[in-house]
Amino acid sequence: MTTVQPVVPVQVPVTTLAQPAVRASALAAFQLVEDARYRAPDRRRRDERRRMLAQRVVADRKAEREQRSGPAAPAAS
């Protein structure tokens, strides 16, 4: 083939055009399964652990702040 000859267009059957939609659908289903695994009850436990650690840090900082400021004054009623 030389540069003078035109390129012959390729005839694509209709069934080949339908395959990408099937692939996209399969990919979407796979992503849904992966998302469900990611949001499994194990993730809640990890989130609860993070929350507990954050609460502990806040309590430690508050105790350190109170310790630096000296003994706490009794609350007036």
PDB file of N, CA and C in Angstrom:
ATOM      1  N   MET A   1       0.856  -1.176   0.000  1.00  0.00           N
ATOM      2  CA  MET A   1       0.000   0.000   0.000  1.00  0.00           C
ATOM      3  C   MET A   1       0.897   1.233   0.000  1.00  0.00           C
ATOM      4  N   THR A   2       0.543   2.174  -0.807  1.00  0.00           N
ATOM      5  CA  THR A   2       1.306   3.419  -0.871  1.00  0.00           C
ATOM      6  C   THR A   2       0.473   4.535  -0.269  1.00  0.00           C
ATOM      7  N   THR A   3       1.052   5.687  -0.138  1.00  0.00           N
ATOM      8  CA  THR A   3       0.330   6.816   0.451  1.00  0.00           C
ATOM      9  C   THR A   3      -0.764   7.337  -0.465  1.00  0.00           C
ATOM     10  N   VAL A   4      -0.726   6.934  -1.731  1.00  0.00           N
ATOM     11  CA  VAL A   4      -1.728   7.391  -2.682  1.00  0.00           C
ATOM     12  C   VAL A   4      -3.020   6.616  -2.518  1.00  0.00           C
ATOM     13  N   GLN A   5      -2.947   5.377  -2.075  1.00  0.00           N
ATOM     14  CA  GLN A   5      -4.138   4.554  -1.951  1.00  0.00           C
ATOM     15  C   GLN A   5      -4.923   4.950  -0.697  1.00  0.00           C
ATOM     16  N   PRO A   6      -6.242   5.043  -0.831  1.00  0.00           N
ATOM     17  CA  PRO A   6      -7.053   5.394   0.338  1.00  0.00           C
ATOM     18  C   PRO A   6      -7.167   4.220   1.318  1.00  0.00           C
ATOM     19  N   VAL A   7      -7.401   4.537   2.545  1.00  0.00           N
ATOM     20  CA  VAL A   7      -7.593   3.506   3.570  1.00  0.00           C
ATOM     21  C   VAL A   7      -9.007   2.981   3.450  1.00  0.00           C
ATOM     22  N   VAL A   8      -9.130   1.664   3.448  1.00  0.00           N
ATOM     23  CA  VAL A   8     -10.437   1.034   3.344  1.00  0.00           C
ATOM     24  C   VAL A   8     -11.055   1.009   4.747  1.00  0.00           C
ATOM     25  N   PRO A   9     -12.271   1.558   4.926  1.00  0.00           N
ATOM     26  CA  PRO A   9     -12.892   1.536   6.249  1.00  0.00           C
ATOM     27  C   PRO A   9     -13.245   0.112   6.668  1.00  0.00           C
ATOM     28  N   VAL A  10     -13.112  -0.156   7.942  1.00  0.00           N
ATOM     29  CA  VAL A  10     -13.402  -1.473   8.478  1.00  0.00           C
ATOM     30  C   VAL A  10     -14.870  -1.518   8.859  1.00  0.00           C
ATOM     31  N   GLN A  11     -15.531  -2.586   8.459  1.00  0.00           N
ATOM     32  CA  GLN A  11     -16.930  -2.766   8.809  1.00  0.00           C
ATOM     33  C   GLN A  11     -17.009  -3.405  10.193  1.00  0.00           C
ATOM     34  N   VAL A  12     -17.643  -2.743  11.135  1.00  0.00           N
ATOM     35  CA  VAL A  12     -17.765  -3.250  12.491  1.00  0.00           C
ATOM     36  C   VAL A  12     -19.155  -3.825  12.667  1.00  0.00           C
ATOM     37  N   PRO A  13     -19.253  -5.100  13.051  1.00  0.00           N
ATOM     38  CA  PRO A  13     -20.585  -5.672  13.260  1.00  0.00           C
ATOM     39  C   PRO A  13     -21.281  -5.010  14.459  1.00  0.00           C
ATOM     40  N   VAL A  14     -22.592  -5.044  14.452  1.00  0.00           N
ATOM     41  CA  VAL A  14     -23.393  -4.411  15.499  1.00  0.00           C
ATOM     42  C   VAL A  14     -23.157  -5.083  16.849  1.00  0.00           C
ATOM     43  N   THR A  15     -22.927  -6.376  16.892  1.00  0.00           N
ATOM     44  CA  THR A  15     -22.722  -7.084  18.160  1.00  0.00           C
ATOM     45  C   THR A  15     -21.455  -6.625  18.858  1.00  0.00           C
ATOM     46  N   THR A  16     -20.449  -6.229  18.109  1.00  0.00           N
ATOM     47  CA  THR A  16     -19.204  -5.745  18.709  1.00  0.00           C
ATOM     48  C   THR A  16     -19.449  -4.411  19.416  1.00  0.00           C
ATOM     49  N   LEU A  17     -20.346  -3.613  18.896  1.00  0.00           N
ATOM     50  CA  LEU A  17     -20.633  -2.322  19.525  1.00  0.00           C
ATOM     51  C   LEU A  17     -21.339  -2.497  20.867  1.00  0.00           C
ATOM     52  N   ALA A  18     -22.059  -3.590  21.040  1.00  0.00           N
ATOM     53  CA  ALA A  18     -22.796  -3.819  22.282  1.00  0.00           C
ATOM     54  C   ALA A  18     -21.890  -4.298  23.408  1.00  0.00           C
ATOM     55  N   GLN A  19     -20.707  -4.839  23.118  1.00  0.00           N
ATOM     56  CA  GLN A  19     -19.836  -5.390  24.146  1.00  0.00           C
ATOM     57  C   GLN A  19     -19.327  -4.352  25.157  1.00  0.00           C
ATOM     58  N   PRO A  20     -18.939  -3.149  24.766  1.00  0.00           N
ATOM     59  CA  PRO A  20     -18.470  -2.195  25.788  1.00  0.00           C
ATOM     60  C   PRO A  20     -19.521  -1.905  26.853  1.00  0.00           C
ATOM     61  N   ALA A  21     -20.804  -1.891  26.489  1.00  0.00           N
ATOM     62  CA  ALA A  21     -21.851  -1.663  27.484  1.00  0.00           C
ATOM     63  C   ALA A  21     -21.887  -2.813  28.490  1.00  0.00           C
ATOM     64  N   VAL A  22     -21.693  -4.024  27.999  1.00  0.00           N
ATOM     65  CA  VAL A  22     -21.671  -5.182  28.889  1.00  0.00           C
ATOM     66  C   VAL A  22     -20.458  -5.105  29.790  1.00  0.00           C
ATOM     67  N   ARG A  23     -19.326  -4.729  29.264  1.00  0.00           N
ATOM     68  CA  ARG A  23     -18.122  -4.588  30.068  1.00  0.00           C
ATOM     69  C   ARG A  23     -18.298  -3.515  31.125  1.00  0.00           C
ATOM     70  N   ALA A  24     -18.889  -2.392  30.748  1.00  0.00           N
ATOM     71  CA  ALA A  24     -19.111  -1.308  31.707  1.00  0.00           C
ATOM     72  C   ALA A  24     -20.057  -1.771  32.805  1.00  0.00           C
ATOM     73  N   SER A  25     -21.074  -2.551  32.431  1.00  0.00           N
ATOM     74  CA  SER A  25     -22.016  -3.061  33.413  1.00  0.00           C
ATOM     75  C   SER A  25     -21.329  -4.024  34.368  1.00  0.00           C
ATOM     76  N   ALA A  26     -20.464  -4.881  33.842  1.00  0.00           N
ATOM     77  CA  ALA A  26     -19.731  -5.818  34.693  1.00  0.00           C
ATOM     78  C   ALA A  26     -18.788  -5.064  35.619  1.00  0.00           C
ATOM     79  N   LEU A  27     -18.149  -4.013  35.120  1.00  0.00           N
ATOM     80  CA  LEU A  27     -17.255  -3.205  35.948  1.00  0.00           C
ATOM     81  C   LEU A  27     -18.037  -2.513  37.058  1.00  0.00           C
ATOM     82  N   ALA A  28     -19.209  -2.000  36.735  1.00  0.00           N
ATOM     83  CA  ALA A  28     -20.037  -1.350  37.752  1.00  0.00           C
ATOM     84  C   ALA A  28     -20.445  -2.341  38.833  1.00  0.00           C
ATOM     85  N   ALA A  29     -20.794  -3.549  38.445  1.00  0.00           N
ATOM     86  CA  ALA A  29     -21.165  -4.576  39.424  1.00  0.00           C
ATOM     87  C   ALA A  29     -19.974  -4.929  40.301  1.00  0.00           C
ATOM     88  N   PHE A  30     -18.793  -5.038  39.711  1.00  0.00           N
ATOM     89  CA  PHE A  30     -17.588  -5.338  40.488  1.00  0.00           C
ATOM     90  C   PHE A  30     -17.313  -4.226  41.496  1.00  0.00           C
ATOM     91  N   GLN A  31     -17.475  -2.977  41.081  1.00  0.00           N
ATOM     92  CA  GLN A  31     -17.239  -1.848  41.987  1.00  0.00           C
ATOM     93  C   GLN A  31     -18.244  -1.844  43.129  1.00  0.00           C
ATOM     94  N   LEU A  32     -19.496  -2.223  42.854  1.00  0.00           N
ATOM     95  CA  LEU A  32     -20.486  -2.301  43.923  1.00  0.00           C
ATOM     96  C   LEU A  32     -20.099  -3.352  44.959  1.00  0.00           C
ATOM     97  N   VAL A  33     -19.585  -4.491  44.489  1.00  0.00           N
ATOM     98  CA  VAL A  33     -19.150  -5.541  45.411  1.00  0.00           C
ATOM     99  C   VAL A  33     -17.980  -5.053  46.246  1.00  0.00           C
ATOM    100  N   GLU A  34     -17.027  -4.391  45.621  1.00  0.00           N
ATOM    101  CA  GLU A  34     -15.870  -3.878  46.348  1.00  0.00           C
ATOM    102  C   GLU A  34     -16.291  -2.817  47.365  1.00  0.00           C
ATOM    103  N   ASP A  35     -17.220  -1.948  46.993  1.00  0.00           N
ATOM    104  CA  ASP A  35     -17.710  -0.935  47.927  1.00  0.00           C
ATOM    105  C   ASP A  35     -18.401  -1.581  49.116  1.00  0.00           C
ATOM    106  N   ALA A  36     -19.163  -2.632  48.864  1.00  0.00           N
ATOM    107  CA  ALA A  36     -19.847  -3.332  49.954  1.00  0.00           C
ATOM    108  C   ALA A  36     -18.832  -3.958  50.900  1.00  0.00           C
ATOM    109  N   ARG A  37     -17.759  -4.512  50.361  1.00  0.00           N
ATOM    110  CA  ARG A  37     -16.714  -5.082  51.224  1.00  0.00           C
ATOM    111  C   ARG A  37     -16.034  -3.995  52.032  1.00  0.00           C
ATOM    112  N   TYR A  38     -15.799  -2.852  51.398  1.00  0.00           N
ATOM    113  CA  TYR A  38     -15.095  -1.758  52.064  1.00  0.00           C
ATOM    114  C   TYR A  38     -15.921  -1.198  53.212  1.00  0.00           C
ATOM    115  N   ARG A  39     -17.230  -1.230  53.062  1.00  0.00           N
ATOM    116  CA  ARG A  39     -18.110  -0.675  54.097  1.00  0.00           C
ATOM    117  C   ARG A  39     -18.698  -1.772  54.983  1.00  0.00           C
ATOM    118  N   ALA A  40     -18.006  -2.857  55.089  1.00  0.00           N
ATOM    119  CA  ALA A  40     -18.452  -3.984  55.922  1.00  0.00           C
ATOM    120  C   ALA A  40     -18.390  -3.587  57.400  1.00  0.00           C
ATOM    121  N   PRO A  41     -18.981  -4.388  58.284  1.00  0.00           N
ATOM    122  CA  PRO A  41     -18.962  -4.081  59.712  1.00  0.00           C
ATOM    123  C   PRO A  41     -17.557  -3.895  60.279  1.00  0.00           C
ATOM    124  N   ASP A  42     -16.551  -4.506  59.678  1.00  0.00           N
ATOM    125  CA  ASP A  42     -15.181  -4.315  60.142  1.00  0.00           C
ATOM    126  C   ASP A  42     -14.777  -2.850  60.077  1.00  0.00           C
ATOM    127  N   ARG A  43     -15.276  -2.146  59.078  1.00  0.00           N
ATOM    128  CA  ARG A  43     -14.935  -0.729  58.946  1.00  0.00           C
ATOM    129  C   ARG A  43     -15.526   0.066  60.110  1.00  0.00           C
ATOM    130  N   ARG A  44     -16.699  -0.319  60.585  1.00  0.00           N
ATOM    131  CA  ARG A  44     -17.292   0.381  61.721  1.00  0.00           C
ATOM    132  C   ARG A  44     -16.408   0.228  62.947  1.00  0.00           C
ATOM    133  N   ARG A  45     -15.871  -0.959  63.141  1.00  0.00           N
ATOM    134  CA  ARG A  45     -14.997  -1.171  64.290  1.00  0.00           C
ATOM    135  C   ARG A  45     -13.774  -0.282  64.202  1.00  0.00           C
ATOM    136  N   ARG A  46     -13.236  -0.149  63.007  1.00  0.00           N
ATOM    137  CA  ARG A  46     -12.061   0.703  62.824  1.00  0.00           C
ATOM    138  C   ARG A  46     -12.429   2.165  63.086  1.00  0.00           C
ATOM    139  N   ASP A  47     -13.612   2.584  62.625  1.00  0.00           N
ATOM    140  CA  ASP A  47     -14.059   3.952  62.874  1.00  0.00           C
ATOM    141  C   ASP A  47     -14.276   4.187  64.367  1.00  0.00           C
ATOM    142  N   GLU A  48     -14.837   3.201  65.043  1.00  0.00           N
ATOM    143  CA  GLU A  48     -15.038   3.335  66.488  1.00  0.00           C
ATOM    144  C   GLU A  48     -13.696   3.443  67.204  1.00  0.00           C
ATOM    145  N   ARG A  49     -12.710   2.688  66.727  1.00  0.00           N
ATOM    146  CA  ARG A  49     -11.375   2.752  67.324  1.00  0.00           C
ATOM    147  C   ARG A  49     -10.771   4.136  67.125  1.00  0.00           C
ATOM    148  N   ARG A  50     -10.922   4.689  65.939  1.00  0.00           N
ATOM    149  CA  ARG A  50     -10.416   6.045  65.681  1.00  0.00           C
ATOM    150  C   ARG A  50     -11.093   7.057  66.595  1.00  0.00           C
ATOM    151  N   ARG A  51     -12.413   6.925  66.760  1.00  0.00           N
ATOM    152  CA  ARG A  51     -13.145   7.841  67.626  1.00  0.00           C
ATOM    153  C   ARG A  51     -12.657   7.729  69.064  1.00  0.00           C
ATOM    154  N   MET A  52     -12.434   6.488  69.528  1.00  0.00           N
ATOM    155  CA  MET A  52     -11.961   6.271  70.885  1.00  0.00           C
ATOM    156  C   MET A  52     -10.581   6.901  71.075  1.00  0.00           C
ATOM    157  N   LEU A  53      -9.681   6.733  70.105  1.00  0.00           N
ATOM    158  CA  LEU A  53      -8.355   7.326  70.199  1.00  0.00           C
ATOM    159  C   LEU A  53      -8.435   8.854  70.205  1.00  0.00           C
ATOM    160  N   ALA A  54      -9.315   9.412  69.402  1.00  0.00           N
ATOM    161  CA  ALA A  54      -9.471  10.870  69.371  1.00  0.00           C
ATOM    162  C   ALA A  54     -10.003  11.377  70.705  1.00  0.00           C
ATOM    163  N   GLN A  55     -10.961  10.668  71.303  1.00  0.00           N
ATOM    164  CA  GLN A  55     -11.482  11.071  72.611  1.00  0.00           C
ATOM    165  C   GLN A  55     -10.402  10.979  73.677  1.00  0.00           C
ATOM    166  N   ARG A  56      -9.559   9.965  73.589  1.00  0.00           N
ATOM    167  CA  ARG A  56      -8.469   9.816  74.546  1.00  0.00           C
ATOM    168  C   ARG A  56      -7.478  10.973  74.420  1.00  0.00           C
ATOM    169  N   VAL A  57      -7.171  11.381  73.192  1.00  0.00           N
ATOM    170  CA  VAL A  57      -6.256  12.503  72.969  1.00  0.00           C
ATOM    171  C   VAL A  57      -6.840  13.780  73.555  1.00  0.00           C
ATOM    172  N   VAL A  58      -8.129  14.004  73.330  1.00  0.00           N
ATOM    173  CA  VAL A  58      -8.773  15.204  73.871  1.00  0.00           C
ATOM    174  C   VAL A  58      -8.717  15.189  75.395  1.00  0.00           C
ATOM    175  N   ALA A  59      -8.992  14.043  76.012  1.00  0.00           N
ATOM    176  CA  ALA A  59      -8.953  13.943  77.471  1.00  0.00           C
ATOM    177  C   ALA A  59      -7.538  14.160  77.994  1.00  0.00           C
ATOM    178  N   ASP A  60      -6.528  13.611  77.307  1.00  0.00           N
ATOM    179  CA  ASP A  60      -5.138  13.800  77.733  1.00  0.00           C
ATOM    180  C   ASP A  60      -4.732  15.272  77.648  1.00  0.00           C
ATOM    181  N   ARG A  61      -5.110  15.935  76.568  1.00  0.00           N
ATOM    182  CA  ARG A  61      -4.769  17.358  76.419  1.00  0.00           C
ATOM    183  C   ARG A  61      -5.466  18.197  77.480  1.00  0.00           C
ATOM    184  N   LYS A  62      -6.712  17.867  77.792  1.00  0.00           N
ATOM    185  CA  LYS A  62      -7.438  18.606  78.812  1.00  0.00           C
ATOM    186  C   LYS A  62      -6.780  18.410  80.175  1.00  0.00           C
ATOM    187  N   ALA A  63      -6.381  17.178  80.501  1.00  0.00           N
ATOM    188  CA  ALA A  63      -5.712  16.904  81.779  1.00  0.00           C
ATOM    189  C   ALA A  63      -4.379  17.638  81.851  1.00  0.00           C
ATOM    190  N   GLU A  64      -3.635  17.656  80.757  1.00  0.00           N
ATOM    191  CA  GLU A  64      -2.349  18.359  80.739  1.00  0.00           C
ATOM    192  C   GLU A  64      -2.555  19.860  80.916  1.00  0.00           C
ATOM    193  N   ARG A  65      -3.567  20.409  80.292  1.00  0.00           N
ATOM    194  CA  ARG A  65      -3.863  21.840  80.417  1.00  0.00           C
ATOM    195  C   ARG A  65      -4.240  22.185  81.852  1.00  0.00           C
ATOM    196  N   GLU A  66      -5.035  21.339  82.477  1.00  0.00           N
ATOM    197  CA  GLU A  66      -5.435  21.578  83.871  1.00  0.00           C
ATOM    198  C   GLU A  66      -4.239  21.451  84.806  1.00  0.00           C
ATOM    199  N   GLN A  67      -3.339  20.510  84.510  1.00  0.00           N
ATOM    200  CA  GLN A  67      -2.170  20.303  85.356  1.00  0.00           C
ATOM    201  C   GLN A  67      -1.227  21.514  85.268  1.00  0.00           C
ATOM    202  N   ARG A  68      -1.072  22.093  84.081  1.00  0.00           N
ATOM    203  CA  ARG A  68      -0.208  23.260  83.919  1.00  0.00           C
ATOM    204  C   ARG A  68      -0.777  24.484  84.619  1.00  0.00           C
ATOM    205  N   SER A  69      -2.092  24.591  84.646  1.00  0.00           N
ATOM    206  CA  SER A  69      -2.694  25.770  85.253  1.00  0.00           C
ATOM    207  C   SER A  69      -2.756  25.673  86.780  1.00  0.00           C
ATOM    208  N   GLY A  70      -2.380  24.557  87.324  1.00  0.00           N
ATOM    209  CA  GLY A  70      -2.367  24.396  88.777  1.00  0.00           C
ATOM    210  C   GLY A  70      -3.602  23.658  89.253  1.00  0.00           C
ATOM    211  N   PRO A  71      -3.760  23.564  90.565  1.00  0.00           N
ATOM    212  CA  PRO A  71      -4.913  22.841  91.100  1.00  0.00           C
ATOM    213  C   PRO A  71      -6.201  23.544  90.709  1.00  0.00           C
ATOM    214  N   ALA A  72      -7.169  22.744  90.449  1.00  0.00           N
ATOM    215  CA  ALA A  72      -8.463  23.283  90.036  1.00  0.00           C
ATOM    216  C   ALA A  72      -9.185  23.887  91.218  1.00  0.00           C
ATOM    217  N   ALA A  73      -9.773  25.039  90.997  1.00  0.00           N
ATOM    218  CA  ALA A  73     -10.531  25.708  92.055  1.00  0.00           C
ATOM    219  C   ALA A  73     -11.863  25.000  92.239  1.00  0.00           C
ATOM    220  N   PRO A  74     -12.362  24.900  93.468  1.00  0.00           N
ATOM    221  CA  PRO A  74     -13.672  24.258  93.664  1.00  0.00           C
ATOM    222  C   PRO A  74     -14.760  25.075  92.977  1.00  0.00           C
ATOM    223  N   ALA A  75     -15.692  24.385  92.452  1.00  0.00           N
ATOM    224  CA  ALA A  75     -16.793  25.049  91.737  1.00  0.00           C
ATOM    225  C   ALA A  75     -17.741  25.678  92.748  1.00  0.00           C
ATOM    226  N   ALA A  76     -18.130  26.914  92.434  1.00  0.00           N
ATOM    227  CA  ALA A  76     -19.062  27.627  93.320  1.00  0.00           C
ATOM    228  C   ALA A  76     -20.475  27.188  93.008  1.00  0.00           C
ATOM    229  N   SER A  77     -21.249  26.978  94.046  1.00  0.00           N
ATOM    230  CA  SER A  77     -22.628  26.536  93.847  1.00  0.00           C
ATOM    231  C   SER A  77     -23.568  27.697  93.907  1.00  0.00           C
TER     232      SER A  77
END
